[in-house]
Amino acid sequence: MAWLFLIIAGLFEMTGVVMINQVHKNRNWKSITALFSSFGASFIFLAFAMETLPMGTAYAVWTGIGASGGAILGMLFYGESKTILRIVFILMVLGAAVGLKLVS
């Protein structure tokens, strides 16, 4: 169950990263509320995951999901660079997160 909570936390982290971009574009209460709600939910689910998982593993996987997911969403929806090297490095971050799960 802890790994499920960690994945959910990572998905909310990705949403929070996208909402930072939205707040820069539209400084309205909806964007700001969504930003704080996303990161709040992310921290809550991270805390649930850390009841079972080691802190270092949970934090590394959480940030890996958030960082990689944010970069992928940026490429898909915000016209960010889609170079092969960028994709390789995103895959390396995700691979490291999977590796941490395998050795935990």
N, C-alpha and C. Protein backbone atom coordinates (compact mmCIF):
# COMPACT_ATOMS: atom_id res chain seq x y z
N MET A 1 0.83 -1.20 0.00
CA MET A 1 0.00 0.00 0.00
C MET A 1 0.87 1.25 0.00
N ALA A 2 2.03 1.17 0.64
CA ALA A 2 2.92 2.33 0.73
C ALA A 2 3.39 2.78 -0.65
N TRP A 3 3.67 1.81 -1.52
CA TRP A 3 4.12 2.17 -2.87
C TRP A 3 3.00 2.84 -3.66
N LEU A 4 1.78 2.41 -3.46
CA LEU A 4 0.64 3.06 -4.11
C LEU A 4 0.52 4.50 -3.62
N PHE A 5 0.64 4.70 -2.30
CA PHE A 5 0.59 6.05 -1.75
C PHE A 5 1.72 6.91 -2.33
N LEU A 6 2.88 6.31 -2.51
CA LEU A 6 4.01 7.06 -3.05
C LEU A 6 3.78 7.45 -4.50
N ILE A 7 3.21 6.57 -5.28
CA ILE A 7 2.91 6.90 -6.68
C ILE A 7 1.85 8.01 -6.74
N ILE A 8 0.84 7.91 -5.90
CA ILE A 8 -0.19 8.96 -5.86
C ILE A 8 0.45 10.30 -5.46
N ALA A 9 1.33 10.25 -4.47
CA ALA A 9 2.04 11.47 -4.05
C ALA A 9 2.82 12.06 -5.22
N GLY A 10 3.49 11.21 -5.99
CA GLY A 10 4.25 11.68 -7.15
C GLY A 10 3.36 12.30 -8.22
N LEU A 11 2.20 11.70 -8.42
CA LEU A 11 1.27 12.27 -9.41
C LEU A 11 0.75 13.64 -8.97
N PHE A 12 0.46 13.78 -7.67
CA PHE A 12 0.06 15.10 -7.18
C PHE A 12 1.23 16.09 -7.27
N GLU A 13 2.44 15.61 -7.10
CA GLU A 13 3.63 16.47 -7.25
C GLU A 13 3.72 16.98 -8.69
N MET A 14 3.48 16.09 -9.65
CA MET A 14 3.46 16.50 -11.06
C MET A 14 2.40 17.57 -11.30
N THR A 15 1.22 17.36 -10.74
CA THR A 15 0.14 18.33 -10.89
C THR A 15 0.54 19.67 -10.28
N GLY A 16 1.20 19.63 -9.14
CA GLY A 16 1.65 20.86 -8.50
C GLY A 16 2.65 21.62 -9.37
N VAL A 17 3.54 20.89 -10.01
CA VAL A 17 4.53 21.53 -10.90
C VAL A 17 3.82 22.22 -12.06
N VAL A 18 2.84 21.55 -12.64
CA VAL A 18 2.06 22.16 -13.73
C VAL A 18 1.32 23.39 -13.21
N MET A 19 0.80 23.31 -12.00
CA MET A 19 0.05 24.44 -11.44
C MET A 19 0.96 25.64 -11.16
N ILE A 20 2.23 25.42 -10.86
CA ILE A 20 3.17 26.55 -10.74
C ILE A 20 3.19 27.32 -12.05
N ASN A 21 3.25 26.58 -13.15
CA ASN A 21 3.23 27.21 -14.47
C ASN A 21 1.93 27.98 -14.69
N GLN A 22 0.81 27.39 -14.28
CA GLN A 22 -0.49 28.04 -14.44
C GLN A 22 -0.59 29.32 -13.59
N VAL A 23 -0.05 29.28 -12.38
CA VAL A 23 -0.09 30.46 -11.52
C VAL A 23 0.70 31.61 -12.14
N HIS A 24 1.80 31.28 -12.81
CA HIS A 24 2.58 32.33 -13.49
C HIS A 24 1.79 32.93 -14.65
N LYS A 25 0.97 32.13 -15.31
CA LYS A 25 0.16 32.63 -16.42
C LYS A 25 -1.10 33.33 -15.94
N ASN A 26 -1.80 32.74 -14.96
CA ASN A 26 -3.08 33.27 -14.48
C ASN A 26 -3.02 33.38 -12.96
N ARG A 27 -2.81 34.56 -12.47
CA ARG A 27 -2.78 34.74 -11.02
C ARG A 27 -4.21 34.95 -10.52
N ASN A 28 -4.96 33.83 -10.48
CA ASN A 28 -6.31 33.90 -9.95
C ASN A 28 -6.46 32.89 -8.82
N TRP A 29 -7.54 32.96 -8.11
CA TRP A 29 -7.72 32.11 -6.93
C TRP A 29 -7.84 30.63 -7.27
N LYS A 30 -8.36 30.31 -8.46
CA LYS A 30 -8.50 28.91 -8.85
C LYS A 30 -7.12 28.26 -9.05
N SER A 31 -6.24 28.96 -9.73
CA SER A 31 -4.90 28.42 -9.96
C SER A 31 -4.13 28.29 -8.66
N ILE A 32 -4.23 29.29 -7.82
CA ILE A 32 -3.51 29.26 -6.54
C ILE A 32 -4.07 28.17 -5.64
N THR A 33 -5.37 28.01 -5.60
CA THR A 33 -5.99 26.95 -4.80
C THR A 33 -5.57 25.57 -5.31
N ALA A 34 -5.57 25.40 -6.62
CA ALA A 34 -5.16 24.12 -7.20
C ALA A 34 -3.68 23.84 -6.90
N LEU A 35 -2.85 24.87 -6.91
CA LEU A 35 -1.44 24.72 -6.59
C LEU A 35 -1.25 24.21 -5.17
N PHE A 36 -1.86 24.89 -4.21
CA PHE A 36 -1.71 24.49 -2.81
C PHE A 36 -2.37 23.14 -2.53
N SER A 37 -3.49 22.88 -3.17
CA SER A 37 -4.17 21.59 -2.99
C SER A 37 -3.32 20.44 -3.52
N SER A 38 -2.72 20.64 -4.68
CA SER A 38 -1.89 19.59 -5.28
C SER A 38 -0.69 19.26 -4.41
N PHE A 39 0.02 20.30 -3.99
CA PHE A 39 1.20 20.04 -3.16
C PHE A 39 0.80 19.54 -1.78
N GLY A 40 -0.32 20.01 -1.25
CA GLY A 40 -0.80 19.52 0.04
C GLY A 40 -1.11 18.04 -0.02
N ALA A 41 -1.84 17.62 -1.05
CA ALA A 41 -2.16 16.20 -1.22
C ALA A 41 -0.89 15.39 -1.43
N SER A 42 0.05 15.96 -2.17
CA SER A 42 1.31 15.27 -2.41
C SER A 42 2.04 14.99 -1.09
N PHE A 43 2.12 15.99 -0.24
CA PHE A 43 2.80 15.81 1.05
C PHE A 43 2.05 14.83 1.95
N ILE A 44 0.74 14.86 1.92
CA ILE A 44 -0.04 13.94 2.75
C ILE A 44 0.21 12.49 2.32
N PHE A 45 0.15 12.23 1.01
CA PHE A 45 0.38 10.86 0.55
C PHE A 45 1.84 10.44 0.74
N LEU A 46 2.77 11.38 0.62
CA LEU A 46 4.17 11.07 0.92
C LEU A 46 4.32 10.67 2.38
N ALA A 47 3.65 11.37 3.27
CA ALA A 47 3.71 11.04 4.69
C ALA A 47 3.14 9.65 4.95
N PHE A 48 2.04 9.31 4.29
CA PHE A 48 1.47 7.95 4.43
C PHE A 48 2.47 6.90 3.96
N ALA A 49 3.12 7.16 2.83
CA ALA A 49 4.09 6.20 2.30
C ALA A 49 5.28 6.04 3.23
N MET A 50 5.69 7.13 3.86
CA MET A 50 6.87 7.09 4.73
C MET A 50 6.60 6.42 6.07
N GLU A 51 5.36 6.06 6.35
CA GLU A 51 5.09 5.27 7.55
C GLU A 51 5.70 3.87 7.42
N THR A 52 5.86 3.41 6.17
CA THR A 52 6.41 2.08 5.92
C THR A 52 7.76 2.12 5.22
N LEU A 53 7.87 2.98 4.21
CA LEU A 53 9.09 3.03 3.39
C LEU A 53 10.17 3.87 4.06
N PRO A 54 11.44 3.54 3.79
CA PRO A 54 12.52 4.37 4.31
C PRO A 54 12.45 5.78 3.72
N MET A 55 12.81 6.78 4.53
CA MET A 55 12.72 8.17 4.12
C MET A 55 13.50 8.44 2.82
N GLY A 56 14.73 7.97 2.74
CA GLY A 56 15.55 8.25 1.57
C GLY A 56 14.96 7.68 0.29
N THR A 57 14.49 6.47 0.36
CA THR A 57 13.88 5.83 -0.81
C THR A 57 12.60 6.55 -1.20
N ALA A 58 11.74 6.81 -0.22
CA ALA A 58 10.47 7.48 -0.52
C ALA A 58 10.70 8.85 -1.13
N TYR A 59 11.61 9.61 -0.56
CA TYR A 59 11.85 10.97 -1.06
C TYR A 59 12.45 10.93 -2.47
N ALA A 60 13.39 10.03 -2.69
CA ALA A 60 14.02 9.94 -4.02
C ALA A 60 13.01 9.55 -5.09
N VAL A 61 12.17 8.56 -4.79
CA VAL A 61 11.17 8.14 -5.77
C VAL A 61 10.16 9.25 -6.00
N TRP A 62 9.72 9.90 -4.93
CA TRP A 62 8.74 10.99 -5.02
C TRP A 62 9.28 12.13 -5.89
N THR A 63 10.50 12.56 -5.62
CA THR A 63 11.06 13.65 -6.43
C THR A 63 11.32 13.20 -7.86
N GLY A 64 11.69 11.92 -8.04
CA GLY A 64 11.91 11.41 -9.39
C GLY A 64 10.64 11.43 -10.22
N ILE A 65 9.54 11.00 -9.60
CA ILE A 65 8.25 11.03 -10.31
C ILE A 65 7.86 12.47 -10.63
N GLY A 66 8.01 13.35 -9.65
CA GLY A 66 7.64 14.76 -9.86
C GLY A 66 8.49 15.44 -10.92
N ALA A 67 9.81 15.24 -10.83
CA ALA A 67 10.71 15.90 -11.79
C ALA A 67 10.54 15.34 -13.20
N SER A 68 10.53 14.02 -13.31
CA SER A 68 10.37 13.40 -14.63
C SER A 68 9.00 13.71 -15.22
N GLY A 69 7.98 13.56 -14.38
CA GLY A 69 6.62 13.85 -14.85
C GLY A 69 6.45 15.30 -15.27
N GLY A 70 7.02 16.21 -14.50
CA GLY A 70 6.95 17.62 -14.86
C GLY A 70 7.63 17.90 -16.19
N ALA A 71 8.80 17.27 -16.39
CA ALA A 71 9.51 17.45 -17.66
C ALA A 71 8.72 16.87 -18.83
N ILE A 72 8.13 15.70 -18.63
CA ILE A 72 7.33 15.07 -19.70
C ILE A 72 6.10 15.91 -20.01
N LEU A 73 5.41 16.39 -18.98
CA LEU A 73 4.24 17.23 -19.22
C LEU A 73 4.63 18.54 -19.92
N GLY A 74 5.80 19.07 -19.56
CA GLY A 74 6.28 20.27 -20.24
C GLY A 74 6.52 20.02 -21.72
N MET A 75 7.05 18.86 -22.04
CA MET A 75 7.28 18.53 -23.45
C MET A 75 5.97 18.31 -24.19
N LEU A 76 5.02 17.65 -23.53
CA LEU A 76 3.75 17.32 -24.20
C LEU A 76 2.83 18.52 -24.36
N PHE A 77 2.76 19.38 -23.33
CA PHE A 77 1.73 20.43 -23.34
C PHE A 77 2.25 21.86 -23.41
N TYR A 78 3.55 22.06 -23.17
CA TYR A 78 4.04 23.44 -23.10
C TYR A 78 5.18 23.73 -24.08
N GLY A 79 5.36 22.85 -25.05
CA GLY A 79 6.31 23.11 -26.13
C GLY A 79 7.76 23.09 -25.71
N GLU A 80 8.08 22.40 -24.64
CA GLU A 80 9.48 22.33 -24.22
C GLU A 80 10.24 21.37 -25.13
N SER A 81 11.55 21.50 -25.13
CA SER A 81 12.43 20.72 -25.99
C SER A 81 12.20 19.22 -25.82
N LYS A 82 12.22 18.51 -26.97
CA LYS A 82 12.03 17.06 -26.97
C LYS A 82 13.26 16.35 -27.52
N THR A 83 14.45 16.81 -27.18
CA THR A 83 15.66 16.21 -27.71
C THR A 83 15.86 14.81 -27.12
N ILE A 84 16.59 14.00 -27.86
CA ILE A 84 16.84 12.62 -27.42
C ILE A 84 17.62 12.61 -26.11
N LEU A 85 18.56 13.52 -25.93
CA LEU A 85 19.32 13.55 -24.68
C LEU A 85 18.42 13.87 -23.49
N ARG A 86 17.50 14.76 -23.67
CA ARG A 86 16.57 15.09 -22.59
C ARG A 86 15.73 13.86 -22.21
N ILE A 87 15.26 13.15 -23.21
CA ILE A 87 14.47 11.94 -22.96
C ILE A 87 15.32 10.87 -22.28
N VAL A 88 16.57 10.71 -22.71
CA VAL A 88 17.47 9.73 -22.09
C VAL A 88 17.66 10.06 -20.61
N PHE A 89 17.88 11.33 -20.29
CA PHE A 89 18.09 11.70 -18.88
C PHE A 89 16.83 11.53 -18.05
N ILE A 90 15.68 11.79 -18.63
CA ILE A 90 14.42 11.53 -17.91
C ILE A 90 14.29 10.04 -17.63
N LEU A 91 14.62 9.21 -18.61
CA LEU A 91 14.57 7.75 -18.41
C LEU A 91 15.57 7.31 -17.35
N MET A 92 16.72 7.98 -17.27
CA MET A 92 17.70 7.65 -16.23
C MET A 92 17.15 7.95 -14.84
N VAL A 93 16.45 9.07 -14.69
CA VAL A 93 15.85 9.41 -13.40
C VAL A 93 14.80 8.36 -13.03
N LEU A 94 13.95 8.01 -13.98
CA LEU A 94 12.93 6.99 -13.72
C LEU A 94 13.56 5.63 -13.43
N GLY A 95 14.62 5.31 -14.14
CA GLY A 95 15.33 4.04 -13.90
C GLY A 95 15.93 3.99 -12.51
N ALA A 96 16.45 5.11 -12.05
CA ALA A 96 17.01 5.17 -10.70
C ALA A 96 15.91 4.97 -9.66
N ALA A 97 14.74 5.54 -9.89
CA ALA A 97 13.62 5.36 -8.97
C ALA A 97 13.19 3.90 -8.92
N VAL A 98 13.12 3.26 -10.07
CA VAL A 98 12.78 1.83 -10.11
C VAL A 98 13.86 1.01 -9.41
N GLY A 99 15.11 1.37 -9.64
CA GLY A 99 16.22 0.67 -8.98
C GLY A 99 16.13 0.77 -7.46
N LEU A 100 15.74 1.92 -6.95
CA LEU A 100 15.59 2.07 -5.50
C LEU A 100 14.50 1.16 -4.97
N LYS A 101 13.43 1.01 -5.75
CA LYS A 101 12.36 0.10 -5.31
C LYS A 101 12.86 -1.33 -5.28
N LEU A 102 13.65 -1.70 -6.28
CA LEU A 102 14.12 -3.08 -6.36
C LEU A 102 15.07 -3.43 -5.23
N VAL A 103 15.84 -2.48 -4.74
CA VAL A 103 16.80 -2.78 -3.66
C VAL A 103 16.23 -2.49 -2.28
N SER A 104 14.99 -1.98 -2.21
CA SER A 104 14.39 -1.69 -0.90
C SER A 104 13.75 -2.92 -0.30
